[in-house]
């Protein structure tokens, strides 16, 4: 069996109406490209008829791989599972709701000749303005500013990755939308092309306003990882020195005041503030030192899977 050149990873969750329509479109596109491929569906704990549909498709097509997760772990974990089981030299990801157009896969693959990671930019975006598009515009601007990696559409799942990029990529939380920013830390080249976007035909969107807080928290995490993951003392150290130094100066002022004027300082709020700053500064410094000690453990822990596989369907080869 020839080595797989292209893997298309499609995470799905309760998409029983979309999968029968999406699969033939993806298959037709990949067959027209004239290279070895596989289609890898990651069933993220679907509770409708999606699981049975995927099993039937896999029985009929040896180039289809199905990974069933034991429960709904979320899109980040589903993509991570797809990356782990994909065998292609180039990996393309896309949504399973028919909003991404399989016809754009060849364009992503062509662009990947010049870039290590190619991200899609949905144009024009076919989503409700106030509920989806406006928050997305704000989020994309904020992520670009904080991470320094400027993209128009971080939330587009339609992306192409070279295998060597994925080998060093570890995901958790809601980190899938920050993959380009995290990958930039590895020194990869990143490109962006416009791709088509279609209105959702069946099912409900899995995204809501409740994700905003998670995204903001993960953005802070990404900023820390990009800037200080290997040098936490350089983040906590200056802050600890500044706070502790302010506390020392306050305490020094009160001490001089007591010695020179004999003023009573025991019940002054400023004294409590000075002591608080000194303690807080010492704690921040200690956090930086402890962070330096656990950096190695931290990086090693990133290799731990964030999903649990129920079963994997793949045709056995001799």
Protein backbone atom coordinates (compact mmCIF):
# COMPACT_ATOMS: atom_id res chain seq x y z
CA UNK A 1 0.00 0.00 0.00
CA UNK A 2 1.38 3.39 -1.04
CA UNK A 3 2.26 5.92 1.67
CA UNK A 4 -0.56 8.36 2.31
CA UNK A 5 0.20 11.77 0.86
CA UNK A 6 -2.88 13.60 2.13
CA UNK A 7 -5.05 13.14 5.20
CA UNK A 8 -8.30 15.05 5.61
CA UNK A 9 -9.34 15.22 9.26
CA UNK A 10 -13.01 15.98 9.94
CA UNK A 11 -14.22 16.21 13.56
CA UNK A 12 -17.99 15.59 13.82
CA UNK A 13 -20.49 15.85 16.63
CA UNK A 14 -24.16 15.04 15.97
CA UNK A 15 -23.93 15.58 12.21
CA UNK A 16 -26.04 12.66 10.97
CA UNK A 17 -27.72 14.82 8.29
CA UNK A 18 -24.49 16.37 7.05
CA UNK A 19 -22.13 13.36 6.96
CA UNK A 20 -23.92 11.53 4.06
CA UNK A 21 -23.66 14.71 1.99
CA UNK A 22 -20.15 15.72 3.03
CA UNK A 23 -18.40 12.38 2.49
CA UNK A 24 -19.05 12.04 -1.29
CA UNK A 25 -18.06 15.68 -1.85
CA UNK A 26 -14.74 15.19 -0.07
CA UNK A 27 -14.12 11.85 -1.82
CA UNK A 28 -14.82 13.33 -5.27
CA UNK A 29 -12.45 16.23 -4.63
CA UNK A 30 -9.63 14.01 -3.37
CA UNK A 31 -9.99 11.50 -6.22
CA UNK A 32 -9.66 14.37 -8.67
CA UNK A 33 -6.35 15.38 -7.12
CA UNK A 34 -4.68 12.13 -8.23
CA UNK A 35 -2.71 11.34 -5.09
CA UNK A 36 -3.01 8.82 -2.28
CA UNK A 37 -5.30 10.02 0.50
CA UNK A 38 -7.33 9.08 3.53
CA UNK A 39 -10.43 10.64 5.06
CA UNK A 40 -10.32 10.53 8.84
CA UNK A 41 -13.56 11.19 10.70
CA UNK A 42 -13.26 11.84 14.44
CA UNK A 43 -16.61 11.13 16.09
CA UNK A 44 -16.55 13.39 19.14
CA UNK A 45 -19.06 11.45 21.24
CA UNK A 46 -22.09 11.92 18.97
CA UNK A 47 -25.37 10.81 20.51
CA UNK A 48 -27.44 10.68 17.29
CA UNK A 49 -27.01 8.43 14.26
CA UNK A 50 -23.60 9.78 13.28
CA UNK A 51 -21.66 6.83 14.71
CA UNK A 52 -23.60 4.22 12.73
CA UNK A 53 -23.31 6.25 9.53
CA UNK A 54 -19.55 6.54 9.88
CA UNK A 55 -19.22 2.80 10.53
CA UNK A 56 -21.13 2.03 7.33
CA UNK A 57 -19.00 4.44 5.31
CA UNK A 58 -15.81 2.89 6.65
CA UNK A 59 -16.96 -0.61 5.71
CA UNK A 60 -17.46 0.51 2.11
CA UNK A 61 -14.30 2.60 1.70
CA UNK A 62 -10.88 1.41 2.84
CA UNK A 63 -9.53 4.95 2.59
CA UNK A 64 -11.85 6.09 5.38
CA UNK A 65 -10.63 5.96 8.97
CA UNK A 66 -13.06 6.48 11.86
CA UNK A 67 -11.96 7.34 15.38
CA UNK A 68 -14.76 7.14 17.95
CA UNK A 69 -14.12 9.09 21.16
CA UNK A 70 -15.82 7.83 24.32
CA UNK A 71 -17.58 11.12 25.00
CA UNK A 72 -17.77 14.68 23.74
CA UNK A 73 -14.32 16.10 24.50
CA UNK A 74 -14.64 19.21 22.29
CA UNK A 75 -13.17 20.28 18.98
CA UNK A 76 -9.62 20.77 20.25
CA UNK A 77 -9.42 17.20 21.55
CA UNK A 78 -11.09 15.83 18.40
CA UNK A 79 -8.54 17.59 16.18
CA UNK A 80 -5.72 16.35 18.40
CA UNK A 81 -7.00 12.78 17.99
CA UNK A 82 -7.18 13.29 14.24
CA UNK A 83 -3.60 14.55 14.12
CA UNK A 84 -2.41 11.54 16.12
CA UNK A 85 -4.05 8.96 13.85
CA UNK A 86 -3.56 10.72 10.49
CA UNK A 87 -0.78 9.22 8.35
CA UNK A 88 -0.53 11.78 5.57
CA UNK A 89 2.49 13.93 4.80
CA UNK A 90 0.03 16.82 4.53
CA UNK A 91 -2.99 17.09 6.85
CA UNK A 92 -6.05 19.19 6.00
CA UNK A 93 -8.72 19.87 8.62
CA UNK A 94 -12.28 20.95 7.97
CA UNK A 95 -15.63 21.15 9.75
CA UNK A 96 -18.25 18.44 9.32
CA UNK A 97 -21.23 20.78 8.97
CA UNK A 98 -20.92 21.49 5.19
CA UNK A 99 -20.00 25.13 5.81
CA UNK A 100 -16.43 24.54 4.60
CA UNK A 101 -16.19 23.73 0.89
CA UNK A 102 -14.22 20.56 0.02
CA UNK A 103 -13.47 22.18 -3.33
CA UNK A 104 -10.99 24.46 -1.56
CA UNK A 105 -8.78 21.54 -0.46
CA UNK A 106 -6.67 21.55 -3.67
CA UNK A 107 -6.02 25.28 -3.25
CA UNK A 108 -4.85 24.74 0.34
CA UNK A 109 -2.56 21.93 -0.80
CA UNK A 110 -1.12 24.10 -3.55
CA UNK A 111 -0.46 26.94 -1.11
CA UNK A 112 1.23 24.50 1.29
CA UNK A 113 4.11 24.23 -1.18
CA UNK A 114 5.16 27.69 -0.01
CA UNK A 115 4.07 27.54 3.65
CA UNK A 116 4.26 25.08 6.53
CA UNK A 117 0.73 25.98 7.64
CA UNK A 118 -2.03 27.45 5.46
CA UNK A 119 -5.10 28.93 7.13
CA UNK A 120 -8.43 29.54 5.44
CA UNK A 121 -10.15 32.93 5.51
CA UNK A 122 -13.91 32.52 5.12
CA UNK A 123 -15.08 35.05 2.54
CA UNK A 124 -17.84 36.01 2.55
CA UNK A 125 -18.80 34.72 5.99
CA UNK A 126 -22.26 33.11 6.02
CA UNK A 127 -23.15 33.43 9.69
CA UNK A 128 -25.43 35.72 11.75
CA UNK A 129 -23.69 39.08 12.17
CA UNK A 130 -24.23 39.91 15.84
CA UNK A 131 -24.09 36.36 17.20
CA UNK A 132 -21.14 35.03 15.20
CA UNK A 133 -19.44 37.45 12.82
CA UNK A 134 -19.03 40.51 15.06
CA UNK A 135 -17.55 38.54 18.01
CA UNK A 136 -15.29 36.77 15.51
CA UNK A 137 -13.96 40.05 14.11
CA UNK A 138 -13.19 41.30 17.62
CA UNK A 139 -11.59 38.00 18.62
CA UNK A 140 -9.42 37.85 15.49
CA UNK A 141 -8.19 41.40 16.07
CA UNK A 142 -7.44 40.71 19.73
CA UNK A 143 -5.65 37.42 19.07
CA UNK A 144 -3.56 39.02 16.33
CA UNK A 145 -2.56 41.87 18.63
CA UNK A 146 -1.73 39.67 21.63
CA UNK A 147 0.14 36.93 19.75
CA UNK A 148 1.71 39.03 17.00
CA UNK A 149 0.50 36.57 14.33
CA UNK A 150 -1.84 38.50 12.06
CA UNK A 151 -4.64 36.45 10.51
CA UNK A 152 -8.11 37.52 9.41
CA UNK A 153 -9.86 34.33 10.52
CA UNK A 154 -8.41 32.32 13.39
CA UNK A 155 -11.67 30.42 13.81
CA UNK A 156 -11.68 28.82 10.34
CA UNK A 157 -11.14 25.06 10.72
CA UNK A 158 -10.17 24.68 7.06
CA UNK A 159 -6.38 24.57 7.31
CA UNK A 160 -3.47 22.61 5.86
CA UNK A 161 -0.50 21.45 7.94
CA UNK A 162 2.74 19.79 7.03
CA UNK A 163 3.37 16.67 9.11
CA UNK A 164 6.49 18.05 10.80
CA UNK A 165 4.44 20.92 12.25
CA UNK A 166 1.93 18.55 13.85
CA UNK A 167 4.63 16.32 15.32
CA UNK A 168 5.59 19.10 17.74
CA UNK A 169 2.09 20.43 18.40
CA UNK A 170 0.23 19.65 21.64
CA UNK A 171 -3.33 20.90 22.15
CA UNK A 172 -5.63 21.33 25.15
CA UNK A 173 -8.46 23.60 26.34
CA UNK A 174 -9.83 25.61 23.39
CA UNK A 175 -6.40 25.87 21.80
CA UNK A 176 -7.38 24.74 18.30
CA UNK A 177 -8.13 28.32 17.26
CA UNK A 178 -4.66 29.40 18.39
CA UNK A 179 -2.73 26.77 16.41
CA UNK A 180 -1.16 29.33 14.02
CA UNK A 181 0.04 31.43 16.96
CA UNK A 182 1.45 28.42 18.81
CA UNK A 183 3.04 27.11 15.61
CA UNK A 184 4.69 30.48 14.99
CA UNK A 185 6.72 29.93 18.16
CA UNK A 186 8.17 26.87 16.40
CA UNK A 187 9.34 29.08 13.54
CA UNK A 188 6.94 27.73 10.90
CA UNK A 189 5.86 29.80 7.92
CA UNK A 190 2.16 30.68 7.90
CA UNK A 191 0.01 31.63 4.93
CA UNK A 192 -3.66 32.58 4.55
CA UNK A 193 -5.96 32.19 1.56
CA UNK A 194 -9.60 33.07 1.03
CA UNK A 195 -11.96 30.09 1.06
CA UNK A 196 -15.67 29.71 0.43
CA UNK A 197 -18.17 29.54 3.24
CA UNK A 198 -21.70 28.18 3.12
CA UNK A 199 -24.70 28.68 5.42
CA UNK A 200 -25.40 25.80 7.79
CA UNK A 201 -28.06 23.57 6.22
CA UNK A 202 -28.71 21.01 8.97
CA UNK A 203 -28.18 20.76 12.69
CA UNK A 204 -27.32 23.40 15.26
CA UNK A 205 -24.13 25.36 15.73
CA UNK A 206 -22.02 24.06 18.62
CA UNK A 207 -20.68 27.54 19.36
CA UNK A 208 -22.24 30.03 21.76
CA UNK A 209 -21.47 33.14 23.76
CA UNK A 210 -20.35 30.98 26.68
CA UNK A 211 -17.14 30.17 24.77
CA UNK A 212 -15.92 33.77 25.01
CA UNK A 213 -14.60 33.40 28.55
CA UNK A 214 -12.81 30.16 27.64
CA UNK A 215 -11.24 31.81 24.61
CA UNK A 216 -10.01 34.77 26.66
CA UNK A 217 -8.48 32.49 29.29
CA UNK A 218 -6.78 30.40 26.63
CA UNK A 219 -5.51 33.57 24.97
CA UNK A 220 -3.77 34.49 28.23
CA UNK A 221 -2.33 30.98 28.35
CA UNK A 222 -1.06 31.27 24.78
CA UNK A 223 0.55 34.63 25.53
CA UNK A 224 2.35 33.07 28.50
CA UNK A 225 3.43 30.05 26.47
CA UNK A 226 4.75 32.16 23.60
CA UNK A 227 6.63 34.59 25.80
CA UNK A 228 7.54 32.94 29.08
CA UNK A 229 6.96 29.18 28.98
CA UNK A 230 10.70 28.47 29.13
CA UNK A 231 11.57 31.42 31.36
CA UNK A 232 8.82 31.98 33.95
CA UNK A 233 11.21 33.79 36.29
CA UNK A 234 11.47 36.57 33.72
CA UNK A 235 7.72 37.11 33.98
CA UNK A 236 7.23 36.84 37.74
CA UNK A 237 10.67 38.17 38.70
CA UNK A 238 10.34 41.80 37.53
CA UNK A 239 6.79 42.01 38.88
CA UNK A 240 7.89 40.56 42.23
CA UNK A 241 10.82 42.96 42.43
CA UNK A 242 8.60 45.93 41.60
CA UNK A 243 5.91 45.05 44.15
CA UNK A 244 8.41 44.03 46.82
CA UNK A 245 10.48 47.14 46.15
CA UNK A 246 7.43 49.36 46.57
CA UNK A 247 6.68 47.65 49.88
CA UNK A 248 10.29 48.13 51.01
CA UNK A 249 10.21 51.85 50.15
CA UNK A 250 6.93 52.32 52.02
CA UNK A 251 8.32 50.53 55.06
CA UNK A 252 11.58 52.51 54.86
CA UNK A 253 9.66 55.78 54.74
CA UNK A 254 7.62 54.86 57.81
CA UNK A 255 10.74 53.70 59.67
CA UNK A 256 12.53 56.99 58.98
CA UNK A 257 9.38 58.87 59.98
CA UNK A 258 9.25 56.98 63.27
CA UNK A 259 12.95 57.53 64.02
CA UNK A 260 13.00 61.22 63.11
CA UNK A 261 9.66 62.45 64.43
CA UNK A 262 8.65 59.73 66.85
CA UNK A 263 5.27 59.49 65.10
CA UNK A 264 3.07 56.54 65.93
CA UNK A 265 2.88 54.32 62.83
CA UNK A 266 1.48 51.06 64.23
CA UNK A 267 -2.12 51.78 63.23
CA UNK A 268 -1.45 53.43 59.89
CA UNK A 269 -2.95 51.67 56.81
CA UNK A 270 0.21 52.54 54.90
CA UNK A 271 2.19 50.19 57.13
CA UNK A 272 -0.17 47.33 56.33
CA UNK A 273 0.14 48.14 52.62
CA UNK A 274 3.94 48.10 52.81
CA UNK A 275 3.95 44.71 54.57
CA UNK A 276 1.43 43.33 52.06
CA UNK A 277 3.59 44.45 49.13
CA UNK A 278 6.70 42.87 50.61
CA UNK A 279 4.93 39.53 51.16
CA UNK A 280 3.33 39.63 47.72
CA UNK A 281 6.65 40.47 46.07
CA UNK A 282 8.34 37.55 47.82
CA UNK A 283 5.56 35.22 46.68
CA UNK A 284 5.88 36.35 43.06
CA UNK A 285 9.62 35.79 43.13
CA UNK A 286 9.09 32.35 44.62
CA UNK A 287 6.55 31.53 41.89
CA UNK A 288 9.13 32.45 39.26
CA UNK A 289 11.79 30.23 40.84
CA UNK A 290 9.38 27.31 41.20
CA UNK A 291 8.26 27.83 37.62
CA UNK A 292 11.84 27.47 36.44
CA UNK A 293 12.10 24.17 38.33
CA UNK A 294 8.94 22.69 36.82
CA UNK A 295 9.49 23.80 33.21
CA UNK A 296 10.89 20.41 32.24
CA UNK A 297 7.96 18.60 33.85
CA UNK A 298 5.56 21.03 32.18
CA UNK A 299 6.85 20.29 28.69
CA UNK A 300 6.91 16.57 29.25
CA UNK A 301 3.29 16.68 30.40
CA UNK A 302 2.20 18.07 27.02
CA UNK A 303 2.65 14.63 25.50
CA UNK A 304 -0.26 13.24 27.50
CA UNK A 305 -3.39 12.69 25.34
CA UNK A 306 -6.45 14.79 26.11
CA UNK A 307 -8.91 12.26 24.78
CA UNK A 308 -9.87 8.62 25.34
CA UNK A 309 -10.43 6.43 22.27
CA UNK A 310 -13.22 3.88 22.27
CA UNK A 311 -12.17 2.17 19.03
CA UNK A 312 -10.43 2.89 15.75
CA UNK A 313 -11.67 1.50 12.42
CA UNK A 314 -8.98 1.10 9.79
CA UNK A 315 -8.53 -1.59 7.16
CA UNK A 316 -5.74 -3.96 8.17
CA UNK A 317 -2.83 -4.22 5.74
CA UNK A 318 -0.23 -6.93 5.41
